[in-house]
Each structure stands twice: as C-alpha cells, then as structure tokens.
Amino acid sequence: MLITHDTRCALDTVVDLVNTAPEDGAAPDALPDVPALEVFVQNHEISDVGTLSEFDLSAVRKIRGRFAAIFAAPEARAAAGLINELVAAAGTTPRLTDHDGYDWHVHYFAPGASVADHLAADCGMALAFFVVAGEEERLRRCEAPDCRRAFVDLSRNRSRRYCDSRTCGNRLHVAAYRARRKEAAG
C-alpha cells in the first residue's frame, strides 16, 4: 500500500491524538488544557489554525473519542460508518496545496476550519484510505496487557502486535523468558 507523506503525517497525528486520552481513571489526560493543545498542534505541524480556545479543546477531545472508536471497530463496515460520520461533520473541502516547502498534496479541511474539523477531515480521510484498501486491520491497539495505545501496523506482513517493540514487546518477551527459566529451574 502506497502511503503519501501527508497521509503518513495524518496517521501519525491521529495515533498521537488517540493516545493522549487517559487509559484509565488514574492516568492524566495528555490534553489537559489549551496550552497542551497548542503544543500538540505545533508538534504535528497542523497548518492554518488560528488562536485556540477552550471550545477547540473540547471539540478536539470529542473527536479524539470518535477516532478511538474507529480503532476499536470490529470490522470494515463499522469503521467506514464512523469515518463517514466524522468526515461529513467536518464539512470537508478537498483542495490541492503546496505550502511550507512540501510538494503538492491534498488538504481535506475547509479554509478557516476549526482545529477539530481540520483533524477530523485530514485524519479521517487518512483512515478512510486504509478502509478503501482493505487494510483497516492495520489500525490496532497494543496487545500488551498493561498498554492499550493505538498504532498503525505498517509492517510488510501485518504482524506488529505492540505499540513499541522496545518497550511493550521487549518487556513481555523478557517476562516470558524469565517465566520459562523459573519453570525449568523449579
């Protein structure tokens, strides 16, 4: 599956957005206030966004939950329905642009759109491309028991199981190794 630069950026953004949500009641929200949202927008180079407000923060948190539901969708039809609702509500206006040193690419958000509509349109369309390509199973949650972070499996054979093989994957492999050693010694 060919993934363009702007689609990859949108996928990275939607994964990072979904992962800002607290995993449980004890974890803090990684988007606690408007300054945190401003940092998120800056770190993900989200263009054409004006001054952010509490309204924007609330709207972004709302679509974050809708994106999380897409990652949890049991099959393509359910994911497609959720994506269609999200993108339609954003009032998409596809247009070609070449800004900030990037070659021609498509923006799906309307000029002057809110940051939430911007994210819903661009990130929603990136996820739509995966459904169209029959690759929605690549939208996953980490299989580590103490981690449910979202990720997009871009491995060649769709075999990635953990959000980060150096932390979650390695931790589970070491635990399994130690359990085998303990059993063999015991």
C-alpha atoms as a PDB file:
ATOM      1  CA  MET A   1       0.000   0.000   0.000  1.00  0.00           C
ATOM      2  CA  LEU A   2       1.436   3.351  -1.053  1.00  0.00           C
ATOM      3  CA  ILE A   3       1.232   5.911   1.730  1.00  0.00           C
ATOM      4  CA  THR A   4       1.921   9.507   0.762  1.00  0.00           C
ATOM      5  CA  HIS A   5       3.749  11.926   3.031  1.00  0.00           C
ATOM      6  CA  ASP A   6       0.612  13.827   4.009  1.00  0.00           C
ATOM      7  CA  THR A   7      -1.295  10.599   4.709  1.00  0.00           C
ATOM      8  CA  ARG A   8       1.571   9.370   6.895  1.00  0.00           C
ATOM      9  CA  CYS A   9       1.609  12.667   8.798  1.00  0.00           C
ATOM     10  CA  ALA A  10      -2.172  12.429   9.313  1.00  0.00           C
ATOM     11  CA  LEU A  11      -1.830   8.819  10.540  1.00  0.00           C
ATOM     12  CA  ASP A  12       0.895   9.821  12.998  1.00  0.00           C
ATOM     13  CA  THR A  13      -1.277  12.695  14.181  1.00  0.00           C
ATOM     14  CA  VAL A  14      -4.399  10.591  14.705  1.00  0.00           C
ATOM     15  CA  VAL A  15      -2.436   7.908  16.580  1.00  0.00           C
ATOM     16  CA  ASP A  16      -0.841  10.527  18.820  1.00  0.00           C
ATOM     17  CA  LEU A  17      -4.225  12.188  19.369  1.00  0.00           C
ATOM     18  CA  VAL A  18      -5.923   8.918  20.352  1.00  0.00           C
ATOM     19  CA  ASN A  19      -3.018   8.159  22.679  1.00  0.00           C
ATOM     20  CA  THR A  20      -3.481  11.450  24.566  1.00  0.00           C
ATOM     21  CA  ALA A  21      -6.637  10.020  26.156  1.00  0.00           C
ATOM     22  CA  PRO A  22      -6.217   8.561  29.629  1.00  0.00           C
ATOM     23  CA  GLU A  23      -6.113   4.758  29.584  1.00  0.00           C
ATOM     24  CA  ASP A  24      -7.938   4.527  32.886  1.00  0.00           C
ATOM     25  CA  GLY A  25      -9.324   6.772  35.596  1.00  0.00           C
ATOM     26  CA  ALA A  26      -5.914   7.095  37.277  1.00  0.00           C
ATOM     27  CA  ALA A  27      -3.955   8.326  34.256  1.00  0.00           C
ATOM     28  CA  PRO A  28      -3.962  12.041  33.453  1.00  0.00           C
ATOM     29  CA  ASP A  29      -5.315  13.393  30.173  1.00  0.00           C
ATOM     30  CA  ALA A  30      -2.377  14.401  27.955  1.00  0.00           C
ATOM     31  CA  LEU A  31      -4.519  17.258  26.589  1.00  0.00           C
ATOM     32  CA  PRO A  32      -5.440  18.877  29.907  1.00  0.00           C
ATOM     33  CA  ASP A  33      -5.649  22.469  28.699  1.00  0.00           C
ATOM     34  CA  VAL A  34      -5.369  24.862  25.764  1.00  0.00           C
ATOM     35  CA  PRO A  35      -1.554  25.242  26.079  1.00  0.00           C
ATOM     36  CA  ALA A  36      -1.210  21.446  25.733  1.00  0.00           C
ATOM     37  CA  LEU A  37      -3.394  21.568  22.629  1.00  0.00           C
ATOM     38  CA  GLU A  38      -1.205  24.365  21.253  1.00  0.00           C
ATOM     39  CA  VAL A  39       1.880  22.182  21.776  1.00  0.00           C
ATOM     40  CA  PHE A  40       0.126  19.252  20.067  1.00  0.00           C
ATOM     41  CA  VAL A  41      -0.773  21.459  17.073  1.00  0.00           C
ATOM     42  CA  GLN A  42       2.778  22.799  16.866  1.00  0.00           C
ATOM     43  CA  ASN A  43       4.445  19.373  17.230  1.00  0.00           C
ATOM     44  CA  HIS A  44       2.288  17.937  14.451  1.00  0.00           C
ATOM     45  CA  GLU A  45       2.743  20.990  12.212  1.00  0.00           C
ATOM     46  CA  ILE A  46      -1.007  21.420  11.797  1.00  0.00           C
ATOM     47  CA  SER A  47      -1.284  24.348   9.432  1.00  0.00           C
ATOM     48  CA  ASP A  48      -3.905  27.039   9.038  1.00  0.00           C
ATOM     49  CA  VAL A  49      -5.006  27.010  12.695  1.00  0.00           C
ATOM     50  CA  GLY A  50      -5.830  30.287  14.390  1.00  0.00           C
ATOM     51  CA  THR A  51      -5.925  31.106  18.077  1.00  0.00           C
ATOM     52  CA  LEU A  52      -7.062  28.106  20.105  1.00  0.00           C
ATOM     53  CA  SER A  53      -9.684  28.252  22.852  1.00  0.00           C
ATOM     54  CA  GLU A  54     -11.457  26.075  25.417  1.00  0.00           C
ATOM     55  CA  PHE A  55     -14.083  25.404  22.754  1.00  0.00           C
ATOM     56  CA  ASP A  56     -11.346  23.983  20.472  1.00  0.00           C
ATOM     57  CA  LEU A  57     -10.011  21.823  23.302  1.00  0.00           C
ATOM     58  CA  SER A  58     -13.459  20.405  23.990  1.00  0.00           C
ATOM     59  CA  ALA A  59     -14.096  19.738  20.287  1.00  0.00           C
ATOM     60  CA  VAL A  60     -10.716  18.020  19.828  1.00  0.00           C
ATOM     61  CA  ARG A  61     -11.350  15.795  22.854  1.00  0.00           C
ATOM     62  CA  LYS A  62     -14.726  14.867  21.363  1.00  0.00           C
ATOM     63  CA  ILE A  63     -13.276  13.817  18.008  1.00  0.00           C
ATOM     64  CA  ARG A  64     -10.453  12.020  19.832  1.00  0.00           C
ATOM     65  CA  GLY A  65     -13.115   9.716  21.259  1.00  0.00           C
ATOM     66  CA  ARG A  66     -14.591   9.207  17.804  1.00  0.00           C
ATOM     67  CA  PHE A  67     -11.163   8.298  16.418  1.00  0.00           C
ATOM     68  CA  ALA A  68     -10.671   5.841  19.293  1.00  0.00           C
ATOM     69  CA  ALA A  69     -13.961   4.181  18.285  1.00  0.00           C
ATOM     70  CA  ILE A  70     -12.588   3.725  14.748  1.00  0.00           C
ATOM     71  CA  PHE A  71      -9.534   1.914  16.132  1.00  0.00           C
ATOM     72  CA  ALA A  72     -11.910  -0.310  18.131  1.00  0.00           C
ATOM     73  CA  ALA A  73     -14.280  -1.008  15.219  1.00  0.00           C
ATOM     74  CA  PRO A  74     -14.830  -4.769  14.826  1.00  0.00           C
ATOM     75  CA  GLU A  75     -14.914  -4.733  11.026  1.00  0.00           C
ATOM     76  CA  ALA A  76     -14.608  -2.517   7.934  1.00  0.00           C
ATOM     77  CA  ARG A  77     -18.311  -1.624   7.667  1.00  0.00           C
ATOM     78  CA  ALA A  78     -18.371  -0.289  11.225  1.00  0.00           C
ATOM     79  CA  ALA A  79     -15.122   1.657  10.705  1.00  0.00           C
ATOM     80  CA  ALA A  80     -16.446   3.079   7.417  1.00  0.00           C
ATOM     81  CA  GLY A  81     -19.640   4.283   9.077  1.00  0.00           C
ATOM     82  CA  LEU A  82     -17.717   6.015  11.849  1.00  0.00           C
ATOM     83  CA  ILE A  83     -15.291   7.607   9.380  1.00  0.00           C
ATOM     84  CA  ASN A  84     -18.143   8.791   7.145  1.00  0.00           C
ATOM     85  CA  GLU A  85     -19.880  10.477  10.094  1.00  0.00           C
ATOM     86  CA  LEU A  86     -16.662  12.121  11.267  1.00  0.00           C
ATOM     87  CA  VAL A  87     -15.631  13.442   7.847  1.00  0.00           C
ATOM     88  CA  ALA A  88     -19.148  14.610   6.929  1.00  0.00           C
ATOM     89  CA  ALA A  89     -19.485  16.545  10.182  1.00  0.00           C
ATOM     90  CA  ALA A  90     -16.180  18.307   9.431  1.00  0.00           C
ATOM     91  CA  GLY A  91     -17.551  19.813   6.218  1.00  0.00           C
ATOM     92  CA  THR A  92     -14.663  18.696   4.032  1.00  0.00           C
ATOM     93  CA  THR A  93     -13.496  20.787   1.118  1.00  0.00           C
ATOM     94  CA  PRO A  94     -10.685  18.941  -0.694  1.00  0.00           C
ATOM     95  CA  ARG A  95      -8.122  21.258  -2.278  1.00  0.00           C
ATOM     96  CA  LEU A  96      -4.599  20.995  -3.633  1.00  0.00           C
ATOM     97  CA  THR A  97      -1.903  22.972  -1.887  1.00  0.00           C
ATOM     98  CA  ASP A  98       1.903  23.275  -1.826  1.00  0.00           C
ATOM     99  CA  HIS A  99       2.917  25.135   1.310  1.00  0.00           C
ATOM    100  CA  ASP A 100       5.797  25.235   3.781  1.00  0.00           C
ATOM    101  CA  GLY A 101       8.241  23.541   1.405  1.00  0.00           C
ATOM    102  CA  TYR A 102       6.039  20.499   0.728  1.00  0.00           C
ATOM    103  CA  ASP A 103       5.146  19.452  -2.793  1.00  0.00           C
ATOM    104  CA  TRP A 104       1.535  19.264  -3.978  1.00  0.00           C
ATOM    105  CA  HIS A 105      -0.800  17.443  -1.629  1.00  0.00           C
ATOM    106  CA  VAL A 106      -4.476  17.449  -0.711  1.00  0.00           C
ATOM    107  CA  HIS A 107      -5.978  19.167   2.306  1.00  0.00           C
ATOM    108  CA  TYR A 108      -9.471  17.959   3.108  1.00  0.00           C
ATOM    109  CA  PHE A 109     -10.449  20.658   5.592  1.00  0.00           C
ATOM    110  CA  ALA A 110     -12.209  23.836   4.556  1.00  0.00           C
ATOM    111  CA  PRO A 111     -10.186  27.055   4.679  1.00  0.00           C
ATOM    112  CA  GLY A 112     -10.619  28.629   8.113  1.00  0.00           C
ATOM    113  CA  ALA A 113     -11.855  25.355   9.652  1.00  0.00           C
ATOM    114  CA  SER A 114     -11.505  24.794  13.380  1.00  0.00           C
ATOM    115  CA  VAL A 115      -8.659  22.602  14.561  1.00  0.00           C
ATOM    116  CA  ALA A 116     -11.167  19.827  15.364  1.00  0.00           C
ATOM    117  CA  ASP A 117     -12.660  19.946  11.863  1.00  0.00           C
ATOM    118  CA  HIS A 118      -9.158  20.084  10.408  1.00  0.00           C
ATOM    119  CA  LEU A 119      -8.164  16.930  12.325  1.00  0.00           C
ATOM    120  CA  ALA A 120     -11.468  15.178  11.580  1.00  0.00           C
ATOM    121  CA  ALA A 121     -11.167  15.829   7.843  1.00  0.00           C
ATOM    122  CA  ASP A 122      -7.462  15.144   7.225  1.00  0.00           C
ATOM    123  CA  CYS A 123      -7.063  12.295   9.715  1.00  0.00           C
ATOM    124  CA  GLY A 124     -10.464  10.844   8.847  1.00  0.00           C
ATOM    125  CA  MET A 125      -9.517  10.699   5.173  1.00  0.00           C
ATOM    126  CA  ALA A 126      -6.178   9.048   6.015  1.00  0.00           C
ATOM    127  CA  LEU A 127      -8.081   6.343   7.894  1.00  0.00           C
ATOM    128  CA  ALA A 128     -10.583   6.112   5.012  1.00  0.00           C
ATOM    129  CA  PHE A 129      -7.736   5.233   2.639  1.00  0.00           C
ATOM    130  CA  PHE A 130      -6.957   2.218   4.836  1.00  0.00           C
ATOM    131  CA  VAL A 131     -10.558   1.018   4.722  1.00  0.00           C
ATOM    132  CA  VAL A 132     -10.719   1.510   0.936  1.00  0.00           C
ATOM    133  CA  ALA A 133      -7.506  -0.506   0.539  1.00  0.00           C
ATOM    134  CA  GLY A 134      -8.908  -3.298   2.728  1.00  0.00           C
ATOM    135  CA  GLU A 135      -6.249  -2.593   5.342  1.00  0.00           C
ATOM    136  CA  GLU A 136      -8.399  -1.481   8.303  1.00  0.00           C
ATOM    137  CA  GLU A 137      -6.970  -4.331  10.414  1.00  0.00           C
ATOM    138  CA  ARG A 138      -3.725  -2.352  10.456  1.00  0.00           C
ATOM    139  CA  LEU A 139      -5.418   0.121  12.824  1.00  0.00           C
ATOM    140  CA  ARG A 140      -4.624  -1.577  16.105  1.00  0.00           C
ATOM    141  CA  ARG A 141      -4.253  -1.362  19.847  1.00  0.00           C
ATOM    142  CA  CYS A 142      -1.158  -2.639  21.642  1.00  0.00           C
ATOM    143  CA  GLU A 143      -1.546  -6.248  22.810  1.00  0.00           C
ATOM    144  CA  ALA A 144       0.492  -5.745  25.985  1.00  0.00           C
ATOM    145  CA  PRO A 145      -1.880  -6.347  28.920  1.00  0.00           C
ATOM    146  CA  ASP A 146      -0.982  -3.068  30.639  1.00  0.00           C
ATOM    147  CA  CYS A 147      -0.988  -0.948  27.455  1.00  0.00           C
ATOM    148  CA  ARG A 148      -3.771  -0.215  25.007  1.00  0.00           C
ATOM    149  CA  ARG A 149      -2.061   2.503  22.967  1.00  0.00           C
ATOM    150  CA  ALA A 150      -3.195   2.890  19.359  1.00  0.00           C
ATOM    151  CA  PHE A 151      -0.832   2.363  16.439  1.00  0.00           C
ATOM    152  CA  VAL A 152      -0.909   1.731  12.703  1.00  0.00           C
ATOM    153  CA  ASP A 153       0.770  -1.529  11.720  1.00  0.00           C
ATOM    154  CA  LEU A 154       2.846  -0.680   8.663  1.00  0.00           C
ATOM    155  CA  SER A 155       4.845  -3.916   8.754  1.00  0.00           C
ATOM    156  CA  ARG A 156       5.019  -5.805   5.478  1.00  0.00           C
ATOM    157  CA  ASN A 157       3.185  -8.874   6.781  1.00  0.00           C
ATOM    158  CA  ARG A 158       0.790  -7.148   9.220  1.00  0.00           C
ATOM    159  CA  SER A 159       2.471  -8.837  12.186  1.00  0.00           C
ATOM    160  CA  ARG A 160       3.127  -5.950  14.568  1.00  0.00           C
ATOM    161  CA  ARG A 161       1.489  -6.584  17.944  1.00  0.00           C
ATOM    162  CA  TYR A 162       2.884  -3.855  20.183  1.00  0.00           C
ATOM    163  CA  CYS A 163       2.888  -0.070  20.038  1.00  0.00           C
ATOM    164  CA  ASP A 164       6.643  -0.131  20.623  1.00  0.00           C
ATOM    165  CA  SER A 165       8.696  -3.295  20.338  1.00  0.00           C
ATOM    166  CA  ARG A 166      11.469  -1.818  22.502  1.00  0.00           C
ATOM    167  CA  THR A 167       9.184  -1.232  25.463  1.00  0.00           C
ATOM    168  CA  CYS A 168       5.962  -3.247  25.411  1.00  0.00           C
ATOM    169  CA  GLY A 169       7.212  -6.054  23.180  1.00  0.00           C
ATOM    170  CA  ASN A 170      10.577  -6.406  24.883  1.00  0.00           C
ATOM    171  CA  ARG A 171       9.033  -6.249  28.361  1.00  0.00           C
ATOM    172  CA  LEU A 172       6.677  -9.133  27.539  1.00  0.00           C
ATOM    173  CA  HIS A 173       9.415 -11.188  25.890  1.00  0.00           C
ATOM    174  CA  VAL A 174      11.688 -10.762  28.918  1.00  0.00           C
ATOM    175  CA  ALA A 175       8.836 -11.710  31.280  1.00  0.00           C
ATOM    176  CA  ALA A 176       8.115 -14.845  29.219  1.00  0.00           C
ATOM    177  CA  TYR A 177      11.817 -15.743  29.197  1.00  0.00           C
ATOM    178  CA  ARG A 178      12.070 -15.344  32.961  1.00  0.00           C
ATOM    179  CA  ALA A 179       8.938 -17.448  33.473  1.00  0.00           C
ATOM    180  CA  ARG A 180      10.400 -20.237  31.314  1.00  0.00           C
ATOM    181  CA  ARG A 181      13.692 -20.113  33.222  1.00  0.00           C
ATOM    182  CA  LYS A 182      11.894 -20.180  36.560  1.00  0.00           C
ATOM    183  CA  GLU A 183       9.770 -23.136  35.431  1.00  0.00           C
ATOM    184  CA  ALA A 184      12.834 -25.019  34.159  1.00  0.00           C
ATOM    185  CA  ALA A 185      14.709 -24.409  37.420  1.00  0.00           C
ATOM    186  CA  GLY A 186      11.783 -25.147  39.604  1.00  0.00           C
END
